[in-house]
Amino acid sequence: MFIARVRGNVVTTQKAKAMTGRKLLVIEPLQLDQAGGELKNTGRCFVAVDSVGAGEQDLVLVTQGSSARMTETTSSAPVDCVIIGIIDTINAAAKTVYNKIDH
């Protein structure tokens, strides 16, 4: 699993039948800096199926690979990346690195 920020959405008019009705979001993985005090952008992007109702700028928990097909939303779909949680807080190095209330 990894932490990412939702950057936008993807709209497709032509897609595999199994993907009909699934919300696709552009996500950017984040990493904790060396000191463990701040989340940093990685500059990479993925498209993930949203299984929890995430929105733009939310910090989310993401899983990939075969685990991505283990949610109720994705069990029968050709999915390799799925959002499985919306993050409320992240604590590291004895401090709060992220709190959704503050953002």
PDB file of N, CA and C in Angstrom:
ATOM      1  N   MET A   1       0.840  -1.183   0.000  1.00  0.00           N
ATOM      2  CA  MET A   1       0.000   0.000   0.000  1.00  0.00           C
ATOM      3  C   MET A   1       0.876   1.234   0.000  1.00  0.00           C
ATOM      4  N   PHE A   2       0.304   2.331  -0.490  1.00  0.00           N
ATOM      5  CA  PHE A   2       1.037   3.586  -0.443  1.00  0.00           C
ATOM      6  C   PHE A   2       0.075   4.757  -0.280  1.00  0.00           C
ATOM      7  N   ILE A   3       0.633   5.899   0.092  1.00  0.00           N
ATOM      8  CA  ILE A   3      -0.123   7.131   0.288  1.00  0.00           C
ATOM      9  C   ILE A   3      -0.045   7.954  -0.987  1.00  0.00           C
ATOM     10  N   ALA A   4      -1.172   8.555  -1.371  1.00  0.00           N
ATOM     11  CA  ALA A   4      -1.199   9.389  -2.571  1.00  0.00           C
ATOM     12  C   ALA A   4      -2.176  10.543  -2.373  1.00  0.00           C
ATOM     13  N   ARG A   5      -2.026  11.570  -3.208  1.00  0.00           N
ATOM     14  CA  ARG A   5      -2.969  12.691  -3.241  1.00  0.00           C
ATOM     15  C   ARG A   5      -3.756  12.601  -4.542  1.00  0.00           C
ATOM     16  N   VAL A   6      -5.068  12.791  -4.436  1.00  0.00           N
ATOM     17  CA  VAL A   6      -5.916  12.798  -5.626  1.00  0.00           C
ATOM     18  C   VAL A   6      -5.698  14.119  -6.351  1.00  0.00           C
ATOM     19  N   ARG A   7      -5.327  14.045  -7.631  1.00  0.00           N
ATOM     20  CA  ARG A   7      -5.033  15.237  -8.426  1.00  0.00           C
ATOM     21  C   ARG A   7      -6.125  15.578  -9.441  1.00  0.00           C
ATOM     22  N   GLY A   8      -6.977  14.615  -9.779  1.00  0.00           N
ATOM     23  CA  GLY A   8      -8.029  14.887 -10.760  1.00  0.00           C
ATOM     24  C   GLY A   8      -8.775  13.609 -11.092  1.00  0.00           C
ATOM     25  N   ASN A   9      -9.568  13.677 -12.144  1.00  0.00           N
ATOM     26  CA  ASN A   9     -10.331  12.501 -12.549  1.00  0.00           C
ATOM     27  C   ASN A   9     -10.121  12.197 -14.025  1.00  0.00           C
ATOM     28  N   VAL A  10     -10.514  11.000 -14.411  1.00  0.00           N
ATOM     29  CA  VAL A  10     -10.393  10.556 -15.796  1.00  0.00           C
ATOM     30  C   VAL A  10     -11.781  10.178 -16.282  1.00  0.00           C
ATOM     31  N   VAL A  11     -12.157  10.692 -17.463  1.00  0.00           N
ATOM     32  CA  VAL A  11     -13.442  10.352 -18.069  1.00  0.00           C
ATOM     33  C   VAL A  11     -13.166   9.553 -19.335  1.00  0.00           C
ATOM     34  N   THR A  12     -13.807   8.390 -19.440  1.00  0.00           N
ATOM     35  CA  THR A  12     -13.655   7.566 -20.642  1.00  0.00           C
ATOM     36  C   THR A  12     -15.035   7.233 -21.196  1.00  0.00           C
ATOM     37  N   THR A  13     -15.229   7.478 -22.479  1.00  0.00           N
ATOM     38  CA  THR A  13     -16.511   7.140 -23.091  1.00  0.00           C
ATOM     39  C   THR A  13     -16.495   5.721 -23.662  1.00  0.00           C
ATOM     40  N   GLN A  14     -15.334   5.241 -24.035  1.00  0.00           N
ATOM     41  CA  GLN A  14     -15.176   3.873 -24.527  1.00  0.00           C
ATOM     42  C   GLN A  14     -14.295   3.124 -23.539  1.00  0.00           C
ATOM     43  N   LYS A  15     -14.785   2.006 -23.022  1.00  0.00           N
ATOM     44  CA  LYS A  15     -14.011   1.245 -22.037  1.00  0.00           C
ATOM     45  C   LYS A  15     -14.495  -0.192 -21.991  1.00  0.00           C
ATOM     46  N   ALA A  16     -13.708  -1.046 -21.350  1.00  0.00           N
ATOM     47  CA  ALA A  16     -14.114  -2.431 -21.145  1.00  0.00           C
ATOM     48  C   ALA A  16     -15.422  -2.453 -20.357  1.00  0.00           C
ATOM     49  N   LYS A  17     -16.314  -3.349 -20.720  1.00  0.00           N
ATOM     50  CA  LYS A  17     -17.635  -3.428 -20.094  1.00  0.00           C
ATOM     51  C   LYS A  17     -17.539  -3.521 -18.564  1.00  0.00           C
ATOM     52  N   ALA A  18     -16.554  -4.252 -18.080  1.00  0.00           N
ATOM     53  CA  ALA A  18     -16.392  -4.431 -16.637  1.00  0.00           C
ATOM     54  C   ALA A  18     -16.033  -3.127 -15.911  1.00  0.00           C
ATOM     55  N   MET A  19     -15.624  -2.104 -16.658  1.00  0.00           N
ATOM     56  CA  MET A  19     -15.246  -0.825 -16.044  1.00  0.00           C
ATOM     57  C   MET A  19     -16.385   0.195 -16.027  1.00  0.00           C
ATOM     58  N   THR A  20     -17.511  -0.147 -16.607  1.00  0.00           N
ATOM     59  CA  THR A  20     -18.656   0.760 -16.651  1.00  0.00           C
ATOM     60  C   THR A  20     -19.097   1.135 -15.231  1.00  0.00           C
ATOM     61  N   GLY A  21     -19.277   2.415 -15.005  1.00  0.00           N
ATOM     62  CA  GLY A  21     -19.757   2.912 -13.721  1.00  0.00           C
ATOM     63  C   GLY A  21     -18.691   3.082 -12.658  1.00  0.00           C
ATOM     64  N   ARG A  22     -17.465   2.802 -12.981  1.00  0.00           N
ATOM     65  CA  ARG A  22     -16.391   2.948 -12.006  1.00  0.00           C
ATOM     66  C   ARG A  22     -15.748   4.332 -12.119  1.00  0.00           C
ATOM     67  N   LYS A  23     -15.543   4.983 -10.971  1.00  0.00           N
ATOM     68  CA  LYS A  23     -14.935   6.313 -10.918  1.00  0.00           C
ATOM     69  C   LYS A  23     -13.416   6.161 -10.974  1.00  0.00           C
ATOM     70  N   LEU A  24     -12.786   6.846 -11.933  1.00  0.00           N
ATOM     71  CA  LEU A  24     -11.333   6.791 -12.112  1.00  0.00           C
ATOM     72  C   LEU A  24     -10.716   8.115 -11.680  1.00  0.00           C
ATOM     73  N   LEU A  25      -9.689   8.039 -10.848  1.00  0.00           N
ATOM     74  CA  LEU A  25      -9.036   9.244 -10.347  1.00  0.00           C
ATOM     75  C   LEU A  25      -7.545   9.219 -10.665  1.00  0.00           C
ATOM     76  N   VAL A  26      -6.995  10.400 -10.945  1.00  0.00           N
ATOM     77  CA  VAL A  26      -5.551  10.557 -11.115  1.00  0.00           C
ATOM     78  C   VAL A  26      -4.978  10.778  -9.724  1.00  0.00           C
ATOM     79  N   ILE A  27      -3.995   9.957  -9.365  1.00  0.00           N
ATOM     80  CA  ILE A  27      -3.370  10.078  -8.048  1.00  0.00           C
ATOM     81  C   ILE A  27      -1.868  10.263  -8.203  1.00  0.00           C
ATOM     82  N   GLU A  28      -1.279  10.987  -7.251  1.00  0.00           N
ATOM     83  CA  GLU A  28       0.170  11.157  -7.213  1.00  0.00           C
ATOM     84  C   GLU A  28       0.692  10.563  -5.906  1.00  0.00           C
ATOM     85  N   PRO A  29       1.516   9.510  -5.978  1.00  0.00           N
ATOM     86  CA  PRO A  29       2.099   8.953  -4.756  1.00  0.00           C
ATOM     87  C   PRO A  29       2.929  10.010  -4.014  1.00  0.00           C
ATOM     88  N   LEU A  30       2.922   9.923  -2.697  1.00  0.00           N
ATOM     89  CA  LEU A  30       3.705  10.820  -1.847  1.00  0.00           C
ATOM     90  C   LEU A  30       4.711   9.995  -1.057  1.00  0.00           C
ATOM     91  N   GLN A  31       5.768  10.651  -0.609  1.00  0.00           N
ATOM     92  CA  GLN A  31       6.744   9.975   0.241  1.00  0.00           C
ATOM     93  C   GLN A  31       7.055  10.860   1.437  1.00  0.00           C
ATOM     94  N   LEU A  32       7.427  10.223   2.531  1.00  0.00           N
ATOM     95  CA  LEU A  32       7.823  10.939   3.727  1.00  0.00           C
ATOM     96  C   LEU A  32       9.272  11.362   3.573  1.00  0.00           C
ATOM     97  N   ASP A  33       9.576  12.624   3.886  1.00  0.00           N
ATOM     98  CA  ASP A  33      10.962  13.093   3.743  1.00  0.00           C
ATOM     99  C   ASP A  33      11.890  12.360   4.720  1.00  0.00           C
ATOM    100  N   GLN A  34      13.182  12.542   4.554  1.00  0.00           N
ATOM    101  CA  GLN A  34      14.191  11.825   5.344  1.00  0.00           C
ATOM    102  C   GLN A  34      13.994  12.009   6.854  1.00  0.00           C
ATOM    103  N   ALA A  35      13.604  13.187   7.263  1.00  0.00           N
ATOM    104  CA  ALA A  35      13.421  13.459   8.688  1.00  0.00           C
ATOM    105  C   ALA A  35      12.092  12.912   9.207  1.00  0.00           C
ATOM    106  N   GLY A  36      11.215  12.505   8.284  1.00  0.00           N
ATOM    107  CA  GLY A  36       9.923  11.958   8.682  1.00  0.00           C
ATOM    108  C   GLY A  36       8.915  13.006   9.080  1.00  0.00           C
ATOM    109  N   GLY A  37       9.166  14.247   8.704  1.00  0.00           N
ATOM    110  CA  GLY A  37       8.279  15.313   9.152  1.00  0.00           C
ATOM    111  C   GLY A  37       7.371  15.918   8.107  1.00  0.00           C
ATOM    112  N   GLU A  38       7.566  15.559   6.848  1.00  0.00           N
ATOM    113  CA  GLU A  38       6.790  16.205   5.786  1.00  0.00           C
ATOM    114  C   GLU A  38       6.564  15.239   4.625  1.00  0.00           C
ATOM    115  N   LEU A  39       5.380  15.321   4.030  1.00  0.00           N
ATOM    116  CA  LEU A  39       5.087  14.522   2.844  1.00  0.00           C
ATOM    117  C   LEU A  39       5.552  15.278   1.606  1.00  0.00           C
ATOM    118  N   LYS A  40       6.230  14.593   0.711  1.00  0.00           N
ATOM    119  CA  LYS A  40       6.775  15.195  -0.506  1.00  0.00           C
ATOM    120  C   LYS A  40       6.147  14.558  -1.739  1.00  0.00           C
ATOM    121  N   ASN A  41       5.964  15.385  -2.781  1.00  0.00           N
ATOM    122  CA  ASN A  41       5.483  14.886  -4.066  1.00  0.00           C
ATOM    123  C   ASN A  41       6.551  14.009  -4.709  1.00  0.00           C
ATOM    124  N   THR A  42       6.113  13.040  -5.513  1.00  0.00           N
ATOM    125  CA  THR A  42       7.065  12.186  -6.227  1.00  0.00           C
ATOM    126  C   THR A  42       7.144  12.542  -7.710  1.00  0.00           C
ATOM    127  N   GLY A  43       6.146  13.280  -8.214  1.00  0.00           N
ATOM    128  CA  GLY A  43       6.133  13.620  -9.637  1.00  0.00           C
ATOM    129  C   GLY A  43       5.583  12.516 -10.518  1.00  0.00           C
ATOM    130  N   ARG A  44       5.165  11.409  -9.924  1.00  0.00           N
ATOM    131  CA  ARG A  44       4.600  10.297 -10.692  1.00  0.00           C
ATOM    132  C   ARG A  44       3.084  10.354 -10.613  1.00  0.00           C
ATOM    133  N   CYS A  45       2.404   9.774 -11.593  1.00  0.00           N
ATOM    134  CA  CYS A  45       0.946   9.718 -11.576  1.00  0.00           C
ATOM    135  C   CYS A  45       0.461   8.322 -11.932  1.00  0.00           C
ATOM    136  N   PHE A  46      -0.659   7.935 -11.338  1.00  0.00           N
ATOM    137  CA  PHE A  46      -1.347   6.690 -11.636  1.00  0.00           C
ATOM    138  C   PHE A  46      -2.821   6.997 -11.814  1.00  0.00           C
ATOM    139  N   VAL A  47      -3.527   6.105 -12.466  1.00  0.00           N
ATOM    140  CA  VAL A  47      -4.982   6.150 -12.504  1.00  0.00           C
ATOM    141  C   VAL A  47      -5.467   5.022 -11.619  1.00  0.00           C
ATOM    142  N   ALA A  48      -6.356   5.345 -10.677  1.00  0.00           N
ATOM    143  CA  ALA A  48      -6.867   4.351  -9.730  1.00  0.00           C
ATOM    144  C   ALA A  48      -8.383   4.356  -9.720  1.00  0.00           C
ATOM    145  N   VAL A  49      -8.965   3.194  -9.493  1.00  0.00           N
ATOM    146  CA  VAL A  49     -10.410   3.092  -9.294  1.00  0.00           C
ATOM    147  C   VAL A  49     -10.696   3.545  -7.868  1.00  0.00           C
ATOM    148  N   ASP A  50     -11.725   4.373  -7.710  1.00  0.00           N
ATOM    149  CA  ASP A  50     -12.104   4.878  -6.390  1.00  0.00           C
ATOM    150  C   ASP A  50     -13.160   3.949  -5.794  1.00  0.00           C
ATOM    151  N   SER A  51     -12.853   3.324  -4.672  1.00  0.00           N
ATOM    152  CA  SER A  51     -13.831   2.440  -4.028  1.00  0.00           C
ATOM    153  C   SER A  51     -14.413   3.041  -2.753  1.00  0.00           C
ATOM    154  N   VAL A  52     -14.035   4.296  -2.436  1.00  0.00           N
ATOM    155  CA  VAL A  52     -14.459   4.885  -1.158  1.00  0.00           C
ATOM    156  C   VAL A  52     -15.070   6.279  -1.247  1.00  0.00           C
ATOM    157  N   GLY A  53     -15.184   6.847  -2.431  1.00  0.00           N
ATOM    158  CA  GLY A  53     -15.767   8.183  -2.559  1.00  0.00           C
ATOM    159  C   GLY A  53     -14.794   9.320  -2.320  1.00  0.00           C
ATOM    160  N   ALA A  54     -13.547   9.138  -2.710  1.00  0.00           N
ATOM    161  CA  ALA A  54     -12.522  10.174  -2.541  1.00  0.00           C
ATOM    162  C   ALA A  54     -12.765  11.324  -3.515  1.00  0.00           C
ATOM    163  N   GLY A  55     -12.204  12.487  -3.187  1.00  0.00           N
ATOM    164  CA  GLY A  55     -12.332  13.652  -4.043  1.00  0.00           C
ATOM    165  C   GLY A  55     -10.990  14.307  -4.279  1.00  0.00           C
ATOM    166  N   GLU A  56     -10.976  15.279  -5.171  1.00  0.00           N
ATOM    167  CA  GLU A  56      -9.740  15.972  -5.518  1.00  0.00           C
ATOM    168  C   GLU A  56      -9.088  16.575  -4.280  1.00  0.00           C
ATOM    169  N   GLN A  57      -7.778  16.425  -4.178  1.00  0.00           N
ATOM    170  CA  GLN A  57      -6.910  16.887  -3.095  1.00  0.00           C
ATOM    171  C   GLN A  57      -6.951  16.014  -1.841  1.00  0.00           C
ATOM    172  N   ASP A  58      -7.821  15.003  -1.780  1.00  0.00           N
ATOM    173  CA  ASP A  58      -7.811  14.088  -0.636  1.00  0.00           C
ATOM    174  C   ASP A  58      -6.512  13.300  -0.602  1.00  0.00           C
ATOM    175  N   LEU A  59      -6.035  12.991   0.596  1.00  0.00           N
ATOM    176  CA  LEU A  59      -4.951  12.031   0.768  1.00  0.00           C
ATOM    177  C   LEU A  59      -5.608  10.668   0.918  1.00  0.00           C
ATOM    178  N   VAL A  60      -5.103   9.699   0.163  1.00  0.00           N
ATOM    179  CA  VAL A  60      -5.754   8.394   0.114  1.00  0.00           C
ATOM    180  C   VAL A  60      -4.744   7.264   0.314  1.00  0.00           C
ATOM    181  N   LEU A  61      -5.275   6.111   0.702  1.00  0.00           N
ATOM    182  CA  LEU A  61      -4.498   4.888   0.820  1.00  0.00           C
ATOM    183  C   LEU A  61      -4.798   4.048  -0.416  1.00  0.00           C
ATOM    184  N   VAL A  62      -3.739   3.576  -1.079  1.00  0.00           N
ATOM    185  CA  VAL A  62      -3.873   2.911  -2.369  1.00  0.00           C
ATOM    186  C   VAL A  62      -3.204   1.541  -2.323  1.00  0.00           C
ATOM    187  N   THR A  63      -3.787   0.591  -3.020  1.00  0.00           N
ATOM    188  CA  THR A  63      -3.145  -0.706  -3.184  1.00  0.00           C
ATOM    189  C   THR A  63      -3.092  -1.049  -4.666  1.00  0.00           C
ATOM    190  N   GLN A  64      -2.115  -1.887  -5.033  1.00  0.00           N
ATOM    191  CA  GLN A  64      -1.908  -2.247  -6.433  1.00  0.00           C
ATOM    192  C   GLN A  64      -1.805  -3.759  -6.590  1.00  0.00           C
ATOM    193  N   GLY A  65      -1.755  -4.186  -7.845  1.00  0.00           N
ATOM    194  CA  GLY A  65      -1.563  -5.594  -8.157  1.00  0.00           C
ATOM    195  C   GLY A  65      -2.794  -6.423  -7.848  1.00  0.00           C
ATOM    196  N   SER A  66      -2.596  -7.689  -7.525  1.00  0.00           N
ATOM    197  CA  SER A  66      -3.728  -8.587  -7.291  1.00  0.00           C
ATOM    198  C   SER A  66      -4.591  -8.119  -6.123  1.00  0.00           C
ATOM    199  N   SER A  67      -4.004  -7.424  -5.151  1.00  0.00           N
ATOM    200  CA  SER A  67      -4.777  -6.892  -4.024  1.00  0.00           C
ATOM    201  C   SER A  67      -5.808  -5.866  -4.480  1.00  0.00           C
ATOM    202  N   ALA A  68      -5.552  -5.206  -5.597  1.00  0.00           N
ATOM    203  CA  ALA A  68      -6.478  -4.192  -6.111  1.00  0.00           C
ATOM    204  C   ALA A  68      -7.786  -4.813  -6.590  1.00  0.00           C
ATOM    205  N   ARG A  69      -7.807  -6.098  -6.824  1.00  0.00           N
ATOM    206  CA  ARG A  69      -9.023  -6.764  -7.281  1.00  0.00           C
ATOM    207  C   ARG A  69      -9.757  -7.474  -6.142  1.00  0.00           C
ATOM    208  N   MET A  70      -9.459  -7.094  -4.913  1.00  0.00           N
ATOM    209  CA  MET A  70     -10.061  -7.766  -3.765  1.00  0.00           C
ATOM    210  C   MET A  70     -11.129  -6.934  -3.056  1.00  0.00           C
ATOM    211  N   THR A  71     -11.549  -5.812  -3.652  1.00  0.00           N
ATOM    212  CA  THR A  71     -12.615  -5.011  -3.048  1.00  0.00           C
ATOM    213  C   THR A  71     -13.938  -5.382  -3.707  1.00  0.00           C
ATOM    214  N   GLU A  72     -15.041  -5.034  -3.072  1.00  0.00           N
ATOM    215  CA  GLU A  72     -16.362  -5.284  -3.662  1.00  0.00           C
ATOM    216  C   GLU A  72     -16.508  -4.559  -4.993  1.00  0.00           C
ATOM    217  N   THR A  73     -15.905  -3.397  -5.098  1.00  0.00           N
ATOM    218  CA  THR A  73     -16.000  -2.571  -6.301  1.00  0.00           C
ATOM    219  C   THR A  73     -15.200  -3.126  -7.465  1.00  0.00           C
ATOM    220  N   THR A  74     -14.110  -3.836  -7.186  1.00  0.00           N
ATOM    221  CA  THR A  74     -13.165  -4.203  -8.248  1.00  0.00           C
ATOM    222  C   THR A  74     -12.995  -5.703  -8.479  1.00  0.00           C
ATOM    223  N   SER A  75     -13.741  -6.532  -7.775  1.00  0.00           N
ATOM    224  CA  SER A  75     -13.493  -7.976  -7.832  1.00  0.00           C
ATOM    225  C   SER A  75     -13.643  -8.591  -9.218  1.00  0.00           C
ATOM    226  N   SER A  76     -14.447  -7.989 -10.072  1.00  0.00           N
ATOM    227  CA  SER A  76     -14.658  -8.563 -11.411  1.00  0.00           C
ATOM    228  C   SER A  76     -14.144  -7.654 -12.524  1.00  0.00           C
ATOM    229  N   ALA A  77     -13.211  -6.770 -12.193  1.00  0.00           N
ATOM    230  CA  ALA A  77     -12.752  -5.784 -13.175  1.00  0.00           C
ATOM    231  C   ALA A  77     -11.245  -5.895 -13.416  1.00  0.00           C
ATOM    232  N   PRO A  78     -10.801  -5.482 -14.608  1.00  0.00           N
ATOM    233  CA  PRO A  78      -9.364  -5.499 -14.924  1.00  0.00           C
ATOM    234  C   PRO A  78      -8.649  -4.294 -14.293  1.00  0.00           C
ATOM    235  N   VAL A  79      -8.487  -4.353 -12.972  1.00  0.00           N
ATOM    236  CA  VAL A  79      -7.970  -3.226 -12.196  1.00  0.00           C
ATOM    237  C   VAL A  79      -6.616  -3.576 -11.592  1.00  0.00           C
ATOM    238  N   ASP A  80      -5.696  -2.617 -11.637  1.00  0.00           N
ATOM    239  CA  ASP A  80      -4.373  -2.815 -11.051  1.00  0.00           C
ATOM    240  C   ASP A  80      -4.067  -1.811  -9.948  1.00  0.00           C
ATOM    241  N   CYS A  81      -4.967  -0.839  -9.734  1.00  0.00           N
ATOM    242  CA  CYS A  81      -4.713   0.208  -8.750  1.00  0.00           C
ATOM    243  C   CYS A  81      -6.063   0.679  -8.207  1.00  0.00           C
ATOM    244  N   VAL A  82      -6.234   0.637  -6.884  1.00  0.00           N
ATOM    245  CA  VAL A  82      -7.517   1.021  -6.296  1.00  0.00           C
ATOM    246  C   VAL A  82      -7.299   1.823  -5.016  1.00  0.00           C
ATOM    247  N   ILE A  83      -8.146   2.833  -4.830  1.00  0.00           N
ATOM    248  CA  ILE A  83      -8.152   3.626  -3.606  1.00  0.00           C
ATOM    249  C   ILE A  83      -9.012   2.879  -2.596  1.00  0.00           C
ATOM    250  N   ILE A  84      -8.409   2.546  -1.432  1.00  0.00           N
ATOM    251  CA  ILE A  84      -9.121   1.757  -0.430  1.00  0.00           C
ATOM    252  C   ILE A  84      -9.398   2.527   0.864  1.00  0.00           C
ATOM    253  N   GLY A  85      -8.931   3.772   0.948  1.00  0.00           N
ATOM    254  CA  GLY A  85      -9.193   4.563   2.143  1.00  0.00           C
ATOM    255  C   GLY A  85      -8.896   6.030   1.946  1.00  0.00           C
ATOM    256  N   ILE A  86      -9.603   6.865   2.693  1.00  0.00           N
ATOM    257  CA  ILE A  86      -9.334   8.303   2.733  1.00  0.00           C
ATOM    258  C   ILE A  86      -8.643   8.561   4.075  1.00  0.00           C
ATOM    259  N   ILE A  87      -7.475   9.164   4.033  1.00  0.00           N
ATOM    260  CA  ILE A  87      -6.645   9.323   5.232  1.00  0.00           C
ATOM    261  C   ILE A  87      -7.110  10.514   6.069  1.00  0.00           C
ATOM    262  N   ASP A  88      -7.246  10.279   7.370  1.00  0.00           N
ATOM    263  CA  ASP A  88      -7.596  11.344   8.316  1.00  0.00           C
ATOM    264  C   ASP A  88      -6.353  11.950   8.949  1.00  0.00           C
ATOM    265  N   THR A  89      -5.422  11.097   9.408  1.00  0.00           N
ATOM    266  CA  THR A  89      -4.183  11.591  10.015  1.00  0.00           C
ATOM    267  C   THR A  89      -3.025  10.658   9.684  1.00  0.00           C
ATOM    268  N   ILE A  90      -1.825  11.242   9.662  1.00  0.00           N
ATOM    269  CA  ILE A  90      -0.583  10.479   9.542  1.00  0.00           C
ATOM    270  C   ILE A  90       0.344  10.973  10.636  1.00  0.00           C
ATOM    271  N   ASN A  91       0.854  10.042  11.437  1.00  0.00           N
ATOM    272  CA  ASN A  91       1.803  10.361  12.497  1.00  0.00           C
ATOM    273  C   ASN A  91       3.113   9.657  12.198  1.00  0.00           C
ATOM    274  N   ALA A  92       4.207  10.380  12.282  1.00  0.00           N
ATOM    275  CA  ALA A  92       5.539   9.810  12.070  1.00  0.00           C
ATOM    276  C   ALA A  92       6.559  10.648  12.826  1.00  0.00           C
ATOM    277  N   ALA A  93       7.647  10.030  13.218  1.00  0.00           N
ATOM    278  CA  ALA A  93       8.726  10.720  13.939  1.00  0.00           C
ATOM    279  C   ALA A  93       8.171  11.516  15.120  1.00  0.00           C
ATOM    280  N   ALA A  94       7.252  10.892  15.849  1.00  0.00           N
ATOM    281  CA  ALA A  94       6.671  11.470  17.069  1.00  0.00           C
ATOM    282  C   ALA A  94       5.919  12.783  16.849  1.00  0.00           C
ATOM    283  N   LYS A  95       5.388  12.975  15.630  1.00  0.00           N
ATOM    284  CA  LYS A  95       4.564  14.170  15.405  1.00  0.00           C
ATOM    285  C   LYS A  95       3.518  13.889  14.327  1.00  0.00           C
ATOM    286  N   THR A  96       2.534  14.753  14.253  1.00  0.00           N
ATOM    287  CA  THR A  96       1.495  14.629  13.246  1.00  0.00           C
ATOM    288  C   THR A  96       1.984  15.272  11.952  1.00  0.00           C
ATOM    289  N   VAL A  97       2.114  14.456  10.929  1.00  0.00           N
ATOM    290  CA  VAL A  97       2.595  14.914   9.625  1.00  0.00           C
ATOM    291  C   VAL A  97       1.438  15.445   8.779  1.00  0.00           C
ATOM    292  N   TYR A  98       0.245  14.835   8.959  1.00  0.00           N
ATOM    293  CA  TYR A  98      -0.924  15.254   8.192  1.00  0.00           C
ATOM    294  C   TYR A  98      -2.159  15.080   9.062  1.00  0.00           C
ATOM    295  N   ASN A  99      -3.039  16.069   9.022  1.00  0.00           N
ATOM    296  CA  ASN A  99      -4.331  15.991   9.664  1.00  0.00           C
ATOM    297  C   ASN A  99      -5.364  16.591   8.706  1.00  0.00           C
ATOM    298  N   LYS A 100      -6.330  15.799   8.296  1.00  0.00           N
ATOM    299  CA  LYS A 100      -7.311  16.238   7.307  1.00  0.00           C
ATOM    300  C   LYS A 100      -8.048  17.504   7.736  1.00  0.00           C
ATOM    301  N   ILE A 101      -8.286  17.650   9.022  1.00  0.00           N
ATOM    302  CA  ILE A 101      -8.993  18.838   9.531  1.00  0.00           C
ATOM    303  C   ILE A 101      -8.228  20.117   9.215  1.00  0.00           C
ATOM    304  N   ASP A 102      -6.897  20.048   9.206  1.00  0.00           N
ATOM    305  CA  ASP A 102      -6.063  21.221   8.958  1.00  0.00           C
ATOM    306  C   ASP A 102      -5.926  21.560   7.481  1.00  0.00           C
ATOM    307  N   HIS A 103      -6.370  20.675   6.595  1.00  0.00           N
ATOM    308  CA  HIS A 103      -6.205  20.917   5.159  1.00  0.00           C
ATOM    309  C   HIS A 103      -7.521  21.183   4.546  1.00  0.00           C
TER     310      HIS A 103
END
